[in-house]
Structure formats: C-alpha cells, structure tokens
Protein backbone atom coordinates (compact mmCIF):
# COMPACT_ATOMS: atom_id res chain seq x y z
CA MET A 1 44.03 -14.88 23.82
CA VAL A 2 40.56 -14.24 24.11
CA ALA A 3 38.11 -13.82 21.36
CA ALA A 4 36.01 -10.75 21.06
CA VAL A 5 32.67 -11.44 22.13
CA SER A 6 29.51 -9.49 20.14
CA ALA A 7 27.38 -7.40 21.86
CA LEU A 8 23.70 -8.26 22.80
CA PRO A 9 21.32 -7.13 20.20
CA VAL A 10 19.51 -3.99 21.43
CA LEU A 11 16.26 -2.93 19.95
CA ARG A 12 15.75 0.94 19.20
CA ALA A 13 13.49 3.29 17.49
CA MET A 14 14.40 3.31 14.03
CA THR A 15 15.68 6.92 12.69
CA SER A 16 16.24 8.66 9.17
CA ASP A 17 19.97 7.91 10.04
CA ASP A 18 19.09 4.27 9.78
CA LEU A 19 17.59 3.91 6.27
CA GLU A 20 20.91 3.18 4.56
CA ALA A 21 21.51 -0.14 6.38
CA VAL A 22 17.69 -0.79 6.36
CA MET A 23 17.82 -0.46 2.73
CA ALA A 24 20.87 -2.64 2.34
CA ILE A 25 19.17 -5.32 4.30
CA GLU A 26 15.66 -5.19 2.30
CA LEU A 27 17.99 -5.30 -0.95
CA ALA A 28 19.72 -8.35 0.25
CA ALA A 29 16.51 -9.99 1.41
CA TYR A 30 14.04 -9.65 -1.05
CA ALA A 31 13.66 -9.64 -4.56
CA PHE A 32 11.23 -7.20 -4.92
CA PRO A 33 11.97 -4.50 -1.90
CA TRP A 34 10.52 -1.83 -0.77
CA THR A 35 11.96 1.64 -1.53
CA ALA A 36 13.52 3.89 0.78
CA GLY A 37 10.67 6.02 0.38
CA ILE A 38 7.86 3.72 1.52
CA PHE A 39 10.46 3.50 4.84
CA ALA A 40 10.63 7.23 5.03
CA ASP A 41 7.22 7.45 4.56
CA CYS A 42 6.48 4.98 7.61
CA LEU A 43 8.87 7.27 9.39
CA ARG A 44 7.06 10.32 8.89
CA ALA A 45 3.49 8.88 9.55
CA GLY A 46 4.61 7.76 12.95
CA TYR A 47 4.52 4.29 12.73
CA ARG A 48 6.19 1.99 15.24
CA ALA A 49 9.72 1.29 13.50
CA TRP A 50 12.32 -0.94 15.01
CA VAL A 51 15.90 -1.78 14.89
CA VAL A 52 18.02 -4.53 15.73
CA ASP A 53 21.35 -3.25 16.98
CA ARG A 54 24.52 -5.26 17.57
CA ASP A 55 27.64 -3.53 17.87
CA GLY A 56 26.46 -0.47 16.18
CA MET A 57 25.18 -2.12 12.97
CA VAL A 58 21.84 -2.87 12.11
CA CYS A 59 20.77 -6.18 11.64
CA GLY A 60 17.11 -6.01 11.29
CA TYR A 61 13.92 -4.04 11.30
CA GLY A 62 10.38 -4.11 12.26
CA LEU A 63 7.36 -1.64 11.18
CA LEU A 64 3.86 -1.71 12.46
CA SER A 65 0.89 0.77 12.19
CA ALA A 66 -2.08 0.91 14.27
CA ALA A 67 -5.47 2.47 14.03
CA ALA A 68 -9.29 1.98 15.07
CA GLY A 69 -8.17 -1.24 17.52
CA GLU A 70 -6.27 -3.08 15.35
CA ALA A 71 -2.72 -2.86 14.17
CA HIS A 72 -1.01 -4.39 10.83
CA VAL A 73 2.73 -5.77 10.81
CA LEU A 74 3.99 -4.13 7.84
CA ASN A 75 7.59 -5.43 7.44
CA VAL A 76 9.97 -7.61 9.68
CA CYS A 77 13.64 -8.22 8.46
CA VAL A 78 16.57 -9.59 9.42
CA ASP A 79 19.76 -9.61 7.42
CA PRO A 80 20.07 -12.81 5.87
CA GLY A 81 23.64 -13.70 7.97
CA GLN A 82 21.91 -13.06 11.07
CA ARG A 83 19.12 -15.52 10.73
CA ARG A 84 18.19 -17.98 12.98
CA ALA A 85 19.37 -16.24 16.25
CA GLY A 86 15.70 -15.00 17.40
CA LEU A 87 16.07 -11.34 16.17
CA ALA A 88 12.76 -11.88 14.11
CA ARG A 89 11.26 -12.93 17.06
CA ALA A 90 12.24 -10.11 19.51
CA LEU A 91 11.20 -8.06 16.70
CA MET A 92 7.57 -9.42 16.67
CA ALA A 93 7.41 -9.42 20.49
CA ARG A 94 8.29 -5.63 20.44
CA LEU A 95 5.32 -4.58 17.52
CA LEU A 96 2.87 -6.78 19.43
CA ASP A 97 3.67 -4.77 22.80
CA ASP A 98 3.84 -1.75 20.64
CA ALA A 99 0.26 -2.96 19.62
CA ARG A 100 -1.19 -3.48 22.80
CA GLY A 101 0.05 -0.14 23.75
CA LEU A 102 -1.57 1.32 21.29
CA GLY A 103 -5.04 -0.40 22.19
CA ALA A 104 -5.01 -3.01 19.16
CA GLN A 105 -7.63 -6.05 19.72
CA ARG A 106 -6.53 -7.34 16.72
CA VAL A 107 -3.00 -7.81 14.66
CA PHE A 108 -2.74 -8.75 10.89
CA LEU A 109 0.35 -9.38 8.57
CA GLU A 110 0.55 -10.62 5.21
CA VAL A 111 3.21 -13.25 4.14
CA ARG A 112 4.28 -15.28 1.12
CA PRO A 113 3.52 -18.87 1.56
CA SER A 114 6.90 -19.27 0.15
CA ASN A 115 8.54 -17.90 2.80
CA THR A 116 8.50 -20.62 5.46
CA GLY A 117 10.42 -19.74 8.17
CA ALA A 118 8.22 -16.61 8.41
CA VAL A 119 5.01 -18.46 8.43
CA ALA A 120 6.51 -21.23 11.02
CA LEU A 121 7.46 -17.99 13.58
CA TYR A 122 4.15 -16.38 13.16
CA GLU A 123 2.15 -19.71 13.72
CA ALA A 124 4.17 -20.26 16.90
CA LEU A 125 3.75 -16.87 18.20
CA GLY A 126 -0.23 -17.60 17.78
CA PHE A 127 -1.00 -16.04 14.69
CA HIS A 128 -3.33 -18.16 12.61
CA LEU A 129 -4.60 -18.11 8.54
CA VAL A 130 -7.97 -15.77 8.05
CA SER A 131 -7.57 -15.60 4.14
CA ARG A 132 -5.65 -15.69 1.25
CA ARG A 133 -5.22 -12.52 -1.16
CA PRO A 134 -4.64 -14.40 -4.73
CA ASN A 135 -1.72 -12.41 -6.74
CA TYR A 136 -0.89 -9.93 -3.89
CA TYR A 137 2.99 -10.14 -4.23
CA PRO A 138 5.20 -9.83 -7.63
CA ALA A 139 7.46 -12.73 -8.26
CA ALA A 140 10.28 -13.97 -10.79
CA HIS A 141 7.60 -16.08 -12.76
CA GLY A 142 4.21 -13.88 -12.03
CA ARG A 143 2.83 -13.12 -8.81
CA GLU A 144 2.55 -15.01 -5.34
CA ASP A 145 -0.64 -15.09 -3.00
CA ALA A 146 -0.36 -13.74 0.12
CA LEU A 147 -1.48 -15.33 3.32
CA VAL A 148 -3.20 -12.92 5.72
CA MET A 149 -2.71 -14.09 9.23
CA ALA A 150 -4.22 -12.58 12.42
CA MET A 151 -3.52 -12.86 16.12
CA GLU A 152 -6.29 -11.38 18.95
CA LEU A 153 -4.16 -9.53 21.45
CA LEU A 154 -4.86 -10.51 24.86
CA PRO A 155 -3.30 -8.09 27.79
CA PRO A 156 -0.29 -9.02 29.12
CA ALA A 157 0.12 -12.17 31.39
C-alpha cells in the first residue's frame, strides 16, 4: 500500500472566498483575533494578501500594505496544526518581494514579545527592533506591549 502524499503548499492571492477559512485559522491562533470585516477591508483596499493552500485547504495567510516608500506587514498566521514547516517563512518571503515590487525601501511590523517564535523568525529574516509600543495589544490580564521591528530592503541579489 502506498501512503498518500500531501501536495506541496502553493501561495496564491487571497480572495473573498477564502475569508471563512482565514477566519477559522485566525480564531484558532489568536485570543484576540481580527474580524472578518478587517480582512474584507484589506482586500477592498487592494493590500497584498496571500494564502498558503495545501491540498485545496488554506493553512496560512499574510497581508501587506505599502505607501510612500514603506511597507507594513499587517498579519501573518499559519494554522496551529501546520506550524514549523516553513510556511510563515514562505509567506514572509512573498510579502517582502511584494514590498520591493511596490517600491518600499523599508518594511515594518509589530509583534507581541510573548510570540517568541515569530520574533525569532523575523530576526532570522533580517528585521531588527526599532521601538516598543507600550500596552498595544489586548491580553488576558490587561495589555501587552508591541515590539516594532523594521527591515531595510535591498534589491534582490
């Protein structure tokens, strides 16, 4: 008997048809999730929005806005059951390519200090800490700071 082999993940543009799957991941991943309306607004605004599709199932997503030579990673998330497989790294690579293509010279993002996996990924990609926003995120017992990280974009090698 031959075991079924899962198809390689594919990055594709997010559409409104993906919002139900995106929201399922958002709700599974975050205690204080975005709303479906926020995602829909991002799509309407024309932000770069990608999903990771594996075997016809959305298992991650990422969104980026860009203007005036700067870009902002708005949200990157992978289904908790699909983590540690390089999907967030692939999403970030796509978003950074988009930022370059849109003429951004610098990319910013915010991340919870408690999200050590994400902080380590961003540092490995070349982001560095530029500031801290006190009490930025809601938390179970009050508020949590945000680490503001940035990366200078260089032309592709």
